[in-house]
């Protein structure tokens, strides 16, 4: 807006810019939100309770660490042999991305593919277009998961951080996230052609095992609390 108004002044469309004297807004800090295990469980259960396409998408974001647009655009043909192959046209960095999926993610996808002809999570009334009702669906989810403010992209950061805690090597995490920076940038990326397929599958299995452990722990706590009630 500042540049546009200065352009208007230079062409004598305005006598002066209405933004004169106004300080620039502070630079927005990079996002650092990582959900704790108990918050992740709360979001998982809220997504389960919400159900529908959005509930399934949220759980897949937790399980896979992929971008929301990539999960929303999944088609049945992308899923083969317990792995997902994303074509370049739906990937943010325009690089085809193949990553393994564990048993939990496979079960979620299988139950949704049954009712799908092309797009697994279509927009309402538009079967060939991917889910797009993000704002409304996220607001409904937040009503069920009452935790500190968070974004869907925070699930991607939480996935990466969780894998680090489990001892997964950073280059394997970057391969799962389809990052082209960091350990895969520059001349290293030219000569390092290993795709880490086995290592990525091991990482995904570790992450799903961790999630199952904390989910079961929450169930045990709830059962204990129920028994303790008079």
C-alpha atoms as a PDB file:
ATOM      1  CA  UNK A   1       0.000   0.000   0.000  1.00  0.00           C
ATOM      2  CA  UNK A   2       2.855   2.386   0.844  1.00  0.00           C
ATOM      3  CA  UNK A   3       4.471   1.851  -2.554  1.00  0.00           C
ATOM      4  CA  UNK A   4       1.151   2.313  -4.349  1.00  0.00           C
ATOM      5  CA  UNK A   5       0.417   5.592  -2.558  1.00  0.00           C
ATOM      6  CA  UNK A   6       3.918   6.919  -3.307  1.00  0.00           C
ATOM      7  CA  UNK A   7       3.290   6.014  -6.952  1.00  0.00           C
ATOM      8  CA  UNK A   8       0.088   8.086  -6.804  1.00  0.00           C
ATOM      9  CA  UNK A   9       1.975  11.061  -5.330  1.00  0.00           C
ATOM     10  CA  UNK A  10       4.649  10.885  -8.048  1.00  0.00           C
ATOM     11  CA  UNK A  11       1.933  11.043 -10.679  1.00  0.00           C
ATOM     12  CA  UNK A  12       0.139  13.871  -8.842  1.00  0.00           C
ATOM     13  CA  UNK A  13      -2.942  11.777  -8.245  1.00  0.00           C
ATOM     14  CA  UNK A  14      -2.542  12.572  -4.533  1.00  0.00           C
ATOM     15  CA  UNK A  15      -1.016  15.616  -2.807  1.00  0.00           C
ATOM     16  CA  UNK A  16       0.579  13.404  -0.172  1.00  0.00           C
ATOM     17  CA  UNK A  17       0.451   9.837   1.057  1.00  0.00           C
ATOM     18  CA  UNK A  18      -1.954   9.202   3.943  1.00  0.00           C
ATOM     19  CA  UNK A  19       0.712   6.865   5.347  1.00  0.00           C
ATOM     20  CA  UNK A  20       3.232   9.661   5.876  1.00  0.00           C
ATOM     21  CA  UNK A  21       4.542   9.548   9.433  1.00  0.00           C
ATOM     22  CA  UNK A  22       3.095   6.120  10.080  1.00  0.00           C
ATOM     23  CA  UNK A  23       5.667   3.628  11.365  1.00  0.00           C
ATOM     24  CA  UNK A  24       6.048   0.289   9.644  1.00  0.00           C
ATOM     25  CA  UNK A  25       4.495  -2.638  11.516  1.00  0.00           C
ATOM     26  CA  UNK A  26       6.831  -4.811  13.514  1.00  0.00           C
ATOM     27  CA  UNK A  27       8.316  -7.773  11.678  1.00  0.00           C
ATOM     28  CA  UNK A  28       6.328 -10.926  12.353  1.00  0.00           C
ATOM     29  CA  UNK A  29       8.441 -13.459  14.201  1.00  0.00           C
ATOM     30  CA  UNK A  30       8.817 -16.891  12.666  1.00  0.00           C
ATOM     31  CA  UNK A  31       6.376 -19.429  14.024  1.00  0.00           C
ATOM     32  CA  UNK A  32       7.775 -21.641  16.737  1.00  0.00           C
ATOM     33  CA  UNK A  33       4.683 -23.434  18.045  1.00  0.00           C
ATOM     34  CA  UNK A  34       5.210 -27.116  18.734  1.00  0.00           C
ATOM     35  CA  UNK A  35       2.351 -29.011  20.330  1.00  0.00           C
ATOM     36  CA  UNK A  36       3.146 -30.992  23.468  1.00  0.00           C
ATOM     37  CA  UNK A  37       2.072 -34.627  23.569  1.00  0.00           C
ATOM     38  CA  UNK A  38      -1.027 -33.874  25.647  1.00  0.00           C
ATOM     39  CA  UNK A  39      -2.041 -31.111  23.219  1.00  0.00           C
ATOM     40  CA  UNK A  40      -1.492 -33.447  20.281  1.00  0.00           C
ATOM     41  CA  UNK A  41      -3.755 -36.020  21.920  1.00  0.00           C
ATOM     42  CA  UNK A  42      -6.412 -33.369  22.482  1.00  0.00           C
ATOM     43  CA  UNK A  43      -6.302 -32.377  18.815  1.00  0.00           C
ATOM     44  CA  UNK A  44      -6.400 -36.038  17.742  1.00  0.00           C
ATOM     45  CA  UNK A  45      -9.483 -36.786  19.840  1.00  0.00           C
ATOM     46  CA  UNK A  46     -11.146 -33.558  18.694  1.00  0.00           C
ATOM     47  CA  UNK A  47     -10.506 -34.484  15.049  1.00  0.00           C
ATOM     48  CA  UNK A  48     -11.920 -37.941  15.733  1.00  0.00           C
ATOM     49  CA  UNK A  49     -15.028 -36.426  17.302  1.00  0.00           C
ATOM     50  CA  UNK A  50     -15.417 -33.918  14.458  1.00  0.00           C
ATOM     51  CA  UNK A  51     -15.143 -36.643  11.838  1.00  0.00           C
ATOM     52  CA  UNK A  52     -15.709 -36.033   8.139  1.00  0.00           C
ATOM     53  CA  UNK A  53     -13.037 -35.128   5.631  1.00  0.00           C
ATOM     54  CA  UNK A  54     -11.475 -32.459   7.821  1.00  0.00           C
ATOM     55  CA  UNK A  55     -11.155 -34.755  10.823  1.00  0.00           C
ATOM     56  CA  UNK A  56      -9.384 -37.343   8.669  1.00  0.00           C
ATOM     57  CA  UNK A  57      -7.105 -34.690   7.152  1.00  0.00           C
ATOM     58  CA  UNK A  58      -6.037 -33.432  10.590  1.00  0.00           C
ATOM     59  CA  UNK A  59      -5.159 -36.938  11.759  1.00  0.00           C
ATOM     60  CA  UNK A  60      -3.147 -37.514   8.575  1.00  0.00           C
ATOM     61  CA  UNK A  61      -1.305 -34.234   9.143  1.00  0.00           C
ATOM     62  CA  UNK A  62      -0.359 -35.501  12.604  1.00  0.00           C
ATOM     63  CA  UNK A  63       0.732 -38.888  11.245  1.00  0.00           C
ATOM     64  CA  UNK A  64       2.623 -37.758   8.130  1.00  0.00           C
ATOM     65  CA  UNK A  65       3.838 -34.195   8.711  1.00  0.00           C
ATOM     66  CA  UNK A  66       2.861 -33.195   5.175  1.00  0.00           C
ATOM     67  CA  UNK A  67       1.393 -29.852   4.112  1.00  0.00           C
ATOM     68  CA  UNK A  68      -2.360 -29.443   4.416  1.00  0.00           C
ATOM     69  CA  UNK A  69      -2.853 -28.691   0.703  1.00  0.00           C
ATOM     70  CA  UNK A  70      -0.981 -31.833  -0.275  1.00  0.00           C
ATOM     71  CA  UNK A  71      -3.071 -34.053   1.989  1.00  0.00           C
ATOM     72  CA  UNK A  72      -6.300 -32.370   0.885  1.00  0.00           C
ATOM     73  CA  UNK A  73      -5.404 -33.000  -2.766  1.00  0.00           C
ATOM     74  CA  UNK A  74      -4.703 -36.721  -2.338  1.00  0.00           C
ATOM     75  CA  UNK A  75      -6.186 -39.044  -4.912  1.00  0.00           C
ATOM     76  CA  UNK A  76      -6.630 -42.805  -4.664  1.00  0.00           C
ATOM     77  CA  UNK A  77      -4.110 -43.316  -7.468  1.00  0.00           C
ATOM     78  CA  UNK A  78      -1.376 -41.675  -5.367  1.00  0.00           C
ATOM     79  CA  UNK A  79      -1.536 -44.453  -2.736  1.00  0.00           C
ATOM     80  CA  UNK A  80       0.349 -47.660  -3.560  1.00  0.00           C
ATOM     81  CA  UNK A  81       2.192 -50.293  -1.492  1.00  0.00           C
ATOM     82  CA  UNK A  82       1.905 -48.421   1.809  1.00  0.00           C
ATOM     83  CA  UNK A  83       3.387 -45.271   0.394  1.00  0.00           C
ATOM     84  CA  UNK A  84       2.143 -42.040  -1.125  1.00  0.00           C
ATOM     85  CA  UNK A  85       3.493 -40.577  -4.358  1.00  0.00           C
ATOM     86  CA  UNK A  86       2.672 -36.883  -4.739  1.00  0.00           C
ATOM     87  CA  UNK A  87       3.013 -35.500  -8.284  1.00  0.00           C
ATOM     88  CA  UNK A  88       4.860 -32.234  -8.776  1.00  0.00           C
ATOM     89  CA  UNK A  89       1.702 -30.264  -9.630  1.00  0.00           C
ATOM     90  CA  UNK A  90       0.310 -30.498  -6.093  1.00  0.00           C
ATOM     91  CA  UNK A  91       3.612 -30.108  -4.197  1.00  0.00           C
ATOM     92  CA  UNK A  92       4.625 -26.657  -2.958  1.00  0.00           C
ATOM     93  CA  UNK A  93       8.220 -26.884  -4.194  1.00  0.00           C
ATOM     94  CA  UNK A  94       7.149 -28.569  -7.472  1.00  0.00           C
ATOM     95  CA  UNK A  95       9.267 -31.652  -6.727  1.00  0.00           C
ATOM     96  CA  UNK A  96       7.545 -35.073  -6.808  1.00  0.00           C
ATOM     97  CA  UNK A  97       7.493 -36.517  -3.320  1.00  0.00           C
ATOM     98  CA  UNK A  98       7.229 -40.173  -2.322  1.00  0.00           C
ATOM     99  CA  UNK A  99       6.962 -41.028   1.349  1.00  0.00           C
ATOM    100  CA  UNK A 100       5.924 -44.118   3.329  1.00  0.00           C
ATOM    101  CA  UNK A 101       2.756 -44.291   5.396  1.00  0.00           C
ATOM    102  CA  UNK A 102       2.226 -46.420   8.480  1.00  0.00           C
ATOM    103  CA  UNK A 103      -0.642 -48.664   9.466  1.00  0.00           C
ATOM    104  CA  UNK A 104      -2.695 -45.905  11.114  1.00  0.00           C
ATOM    105  CA  UNK A 105      -2.437 -43.572   8.120  1.00  0.00           C
ATOM    106  CA  UNK A 106      -3.211 -46.456   5.758  1.00  0.00           C
ATOM    107  CA  UNK A 107      -6.360 -47.300   7.734  1.00  0.00           C
ATOM    108  CA  UNK A 108      -7.595 -43.698   7.582  1.00  0.00           C
ATOM    109  CA  UNK A 109      -6.950 -43.451   3.861  1.00  0.00           C
ATOM    110  CA  UNK A 110      -8.514 -46.832   3.131  1.00  0.00           C
ATOM    111  CA  UNK A 111     -11.745 -45.918   4.920  1.00  0.00           C
ATOM    112  CA  UNK A 112     -12.014 -42.691   2.899  1.00  0.00           C
ATOM    113  CA  UNK A 113     -10.982 -44.158  -0.462  1.00  0.00           C
ATOM    114  CA  UNK A 114     -14.039 -46.442  -0.330  1.00  0.00           C
ATOM    115  CA  UNK A 115     -16.316 -43.495  -1.083  1.00  0.00           C
ATOM    116  CA  UNK A 116     -13.912 -41.771  -3.473  1.00  0.00           C
ATOM    117  CA  UNK A 117     -13.751 -41.825  -7.255  1.00  0.00           C
ATOM    118  CA  UNK A 118     -10.809 -39.449  -7.731  1.00  0.00           C
ATOM    119  CA  UNK A 119     -10.096 -36.938  -4.969  1.00  0.00           C
ATOM    120  CA  UNK A 120     -10.156 -38.627  -1.549  1.00  0.00           C
ATOM    121  CA  UNK A 121     -11.180 -35.457   0.318  1.00  0.00           C
ATOM    122  CA  UNK A 122     -13.309 -33.456  -2.141  1.00  0.00           C
ATOM    123  CA  UNK A 123     -14.765 -30.012  -1.562  1.00  0.00           C
ATOM    124  CA  UNK A 124     -18.449 -29.962  -0.689  1.00  0.00           C
ATOM    125  CA  UNK A 125     -20.488 -30.332  -3.878  1.00  0.00           C
ATOM    126  CA  UNK A 126     -17.339 -30.445  -6.023  1.00  0.00           C
ATOM    127  CA  UNK A 127     -16.117 -34.051  -6.225  1.00  0.00           C
ATOM    128  CA  UNK A 128     -13.128 -33.282  -8.449  1.00  0.00           C
ATOM    129  CA  UNK A 129     -11.776 -30.428  -6.320  1.00  0.00           C
ATOM    130  CA  UNK A 130      -9.877 -30.863  -3.031  1.00  0.00           C
ATOM    131  CA  UNK A 131     -11.249 -29.874   0.365  1.00  0.00           C
ATOM    132  CA  UNK A 132     -11.163 -26.103   0.875  1.00  0.00           C
ATOM    133  CA  UNK A 133     -13.339 -25.230   3.880  1.00  0.00           C
ATOM    134  CA  UNK A 134     -10.351 -24.629   6.147  1.00  0.00           C
ATOM    135  CA  UNK A 135     -11.452 -21.629   8.225  1.00  0.00           C
ATOM    136  CA  UNK A 136     -14.880 -22.936   9.215  1.00  0.00           C
ATOM    137  CA  UNK A 137     -13.628 -26.459   9.885  1.00  0.00           C
ATOM    138  CA  UNK A 138     -10.661 -25.236  11.961  1.00  0.00           C
ATOM    139  CA  UNK A 139     -13.006 -23.057  14.044  1.00  0.00           C
ATOM    140  CA  UNK A 140     -15.210 -26.083  14.715  1.00  0.00           C
ATOM    141  CA  UNK A 141     -12.160 -28.131  15.678  1.00  0.00           C
ATOM    142  CA  UNK A 142     -10.970 -25.399  18.054  1.00  0.00           C
ATOM    143  CA  UNK A 143     -14.329 -25.541  19.815  1.00  0.00           C
ATOM    144  CA  UNK A 144     -13.611 -29.169  20.630  1.00  0.00           C
ATOM    145  CA  UNK A 145      -9.850 -28.907  21.212  1.00  0.00           C
ATOM    146  CA  UNK A 146      -9.552 -26.100  23.727  1.00  0.00           C
ATOM    147  CA  UNK A 147      -5.796 -25.545  23.732  1.00  0.00           C
ATOM    148  CA  UNK A 148      -3.599 -22.493  23.215  1.00  0.00           C
ATOM    149  CA  UNK A 149      -3.860 -20.980  19.715  1.00  0.00           C
ATOM    150  CA  UNK A 150      -2.277 -23.141  17.042  1.00  0.00           C
ATOM    151  CA  UNK A 151      -2.281 -23.616  13.276  1.00  0.00           C
ATOM    152  CA  UNK A 152      -2.447 -26.671  11.072  1.00  0.00           C
ATOM    153  CA  UNK A 153       1.115 -25.989   9.961  1.00  0.00           C
ATOM    154  CA  UNK A 154       2.193 -26.385  13.591  1.00  0.00           C
ATOM    155  CA  UNK A 155       1.416 -30.089  13.177  1.00  0.00           C
ATOM    156  CA  UNK A 156       4.165 -30.300  10.565  1.00  0.00           C
ATOM    157  CA  UNK A 157       6.645 -28.682  12.950  1.00  0.00           C
ATOM    158  CA  UNK A 158       5.448 -30.943  15.764  1.00  0.00           C
ATOM    159  CA  UNK A 159       5.986 -34.005  13.542  1.00  0.00           C
ATOM    160  CA  UNK A 160       9.561 -32.948  12.738  1.00  0.00           C
ATOM    161  CA  UNK A 161      10.365 -32.093  16.355  1.00  0.00           C
ATOM    162  CA  UNK A 162       8.841 -35.353  17.571  1.00  0.00           C
ATOM    163  CA  UNK A 163      11.008 -37.358  15.186  1.00  0.00           C
ATOM    164  CA  UNK A 164      14.089 -35.526  16.458  1.00  0.00           C
ATOM    165  CA  UNK A 165      13.149 -36.521  20.018  1.00  0.00           C
ATOM    166  CA  UNK A 166      12.891 -40.123  18.842  1.00  0.00           C
ATOM    167  CA  UNK A 167      16.434 -39.988  17.502  1.00  0.00           C
ATOM    168  CA  UNK A 168      15.680 -39.787  13.778  1.00  0.00           C
ATOM    169  CA  UNK A 169      18.497 -38.205  11.761  1.00  0.00           C
ATOM    170  CA  UNK A 170      17.838 -34.702  10.460  1.00  0.00           C
ATOM    171  CA  UNK A 171      18.440 -35.667   6.813  1.00  0.00           C
ATOM    172  CA  UNK A 172      15.758 -38.367   7.101  1.00  0.00           C
ATOM    173  CA  UNK A 173      13.309 -35.857   8.599  1.00  0.00           C
ATOM    174  CA  UNK A 174      14.022 -33.421   5.761  1.00  0.00           C
ATOM    175  CA  UNK A 175      13.443 -36.195   3.239  1.00  0.00           C
ATOM    176  CA  UNK A 176      10.067 -36.942   4.840  1.00  0.00           C
ATOM    177  CA  UNK A 177       9.138 -33.253   4.756  1.00  0.00           C
ATOM    178  CA  UNK A 178      10.390 -32.908   1.164  1.00  0.00           C
ATOM    179  CA  UNK A 179      12.674 -30.035   2.144  1.00  0.00           C
ATOM    180  CA  UNK A 180      15.263 -28.934  -0.401  1.00  0.00           C
ATOM    181  CA  UNK A 181      17.156 -26.707   2.035  1.00  0.00           C
ATOM    182  CA  UNK A 182      19.354 -27.666   4.976  1.00  0.00           C
ATOM    183  CA  UNK A 183      21.218 -30.928   4.435  1.00  0.00           C
ATOM    184  CA  UNK A 184      19.859 -31.286   0.889  1.00  0.00           C
ATOM    185  CA  UNK A 185      20.741 -27.797  -0.359  1.00  0.00           C
ATOM    186  CA  UNK A 186      23.411 -26.603  -2.763  1.00  0.00           C
ATOM    187  CA  UNK A 187      26.202 -28.821  -3.996  1.00  0.00           C
ATOM    188  CA  UNK A 188      25.383 -31.472  -1.377  1.00  0.00           C
ATOM    189  CA  UNK A 189      21.984 -31.969  -3.005  1.00  0.00           C
ATOM    190  CA  UNK A 190      23.668 -32.437  -6.382  1.00  0.00           C
ATOM    191  CA  UNK A 191      25.867 -35.301  -5.224  1.00  0.00           C
ATOM    192  CA  UNK A 192      23.765 -36.786  -2.412  1.00  0.00           C
ATOM    193  CA  UNK A 193      21.236 -38.905  -4.313  1.00  0.00           C
ATOM    194  CA  UNK A 194      20.257 -41.396  -1.596  1.00  0.00           C
ATOM    195  CA  UNK A 195      16.474 -41.308  -1.098  1.00  0.00           C
ATOM    196  CA  UNK A 196      16.306 -42.734   2.455  1.00  0.00           C
ATOM    197  CA  UNK A 197      13.284 -44.941   1.688  1.00  0.00           C
ATOM    198  CA  UNK A 198      14.100 -47.523   4.371  1.00  0.00           C
ATOM    199  CA  UNK A 199      15.090 -44.884   6.899  1.00  0.00           C
ATOM    200  CA  UNK A 200      11.888 -42.911   6.268  1.00  0.00           C
ATOM    201  CA  UNK A 201       9.744 -46.004   6.784  1.00  0.00           C
ATOM    202  CA  UNK A 202      11.502 -46.742  10.058  1.00  0.00           C
ATOM    203  CA  UNK A 203      10.936 -43.127  11.171  1.00  0.00           C
ATOM    204  CA  UNK A 204       7.237 -43.250  10.297  1.00  0.00           C
ATOM    205  CA  UNK A 205       6.803 -46.517  12.185  1.00  0.00           C
ATOM    206  CA  UNK A 206       8.562 -45.028  15.214  1.00  0.00           C
ATOM    207  CA  UNK A 207       6.282 -41.985  15.123  1.00  0.00           C
ATOM    208  CA  UNK A 208       3.112 -44.060  14.842  1.00  0.00           C
ATOM    209  CA  UNK A 209       4.318 -46.280  17.692  1.00  0.00           C
ATOM    210  CA  UNK A 210       4.906 -43.180  19.828  1.00  0.00           C
ATOM    211  CA  UNK A 211       1.417 -41.875  19.061  1.00  0.00           C
ATOM    212  CA  UNK A 212      -0.163 -45.230  19.893  1.00  0.00           C
ATOM    213  CA  UNK A 213       1.717 -45.283  23.203  1.00  0.00           C
ATOM    214  CA  UNK A 214       0.507 -41.860  24.312  1.00  0.00           C
ATOM    215  CA  UNK A 215      -3.031 -42.582  23.069  1.00  0.00           C
ATOM    216  CA  UNK A 216      -3.156 -45.779  25.102  1.00  0.00           C
ATOM    217  CA  UNK A 217      -1.715 -43.960  28.125  1.00  0.00           C
ATOM    218  CA  UNK A 218      -4.513 -41.380  27.887  1.00  0.00           C
ATOM    219  CA  UNK A 219      -7.117 -44.173  27.724  1.00  0.00           C
ATOM    220  CA  UNK A 220      -5.635 -45.801  30.826  1.00  0.00           C
ATOM    221  CA  UNK A 221      -5.773 -42.479  32.677  1.00  0.00           C
ATOM    222  CA  UNK A 222      -9.415 -41.994  31.713  1.00  0.00           C
ATOM    223  CA  UNK A 223     -10.316 -45.538  32.802  1.00  0.00           C
ATOM    224  CA  UNK A 224      -8.558 -45.019  36.130  1.00  0.00           C
ATOM    225  CA  UNK A 225     -10.403 -41.752  36.651  1.00  0.00           C
ATOM    226  CA  UNK A 226     -13.745 -43.427  35.871  1.00  0.00           C
ATOM    227  CA  UNK A 227     -13.077 -46.229  38.343  1.00  0.00           C
ATOM    228  CA  UNK A 228     -12.075 -43.732  41.035  1.00  0.00           C
ATOM    229  CA  UNK A 229     -15.376 -41.871  40.767  1.00  0.00           C
ATOM    230  CA  UNK A 230     -17.939 -42.770  43.465  1.00  0.00           C
END
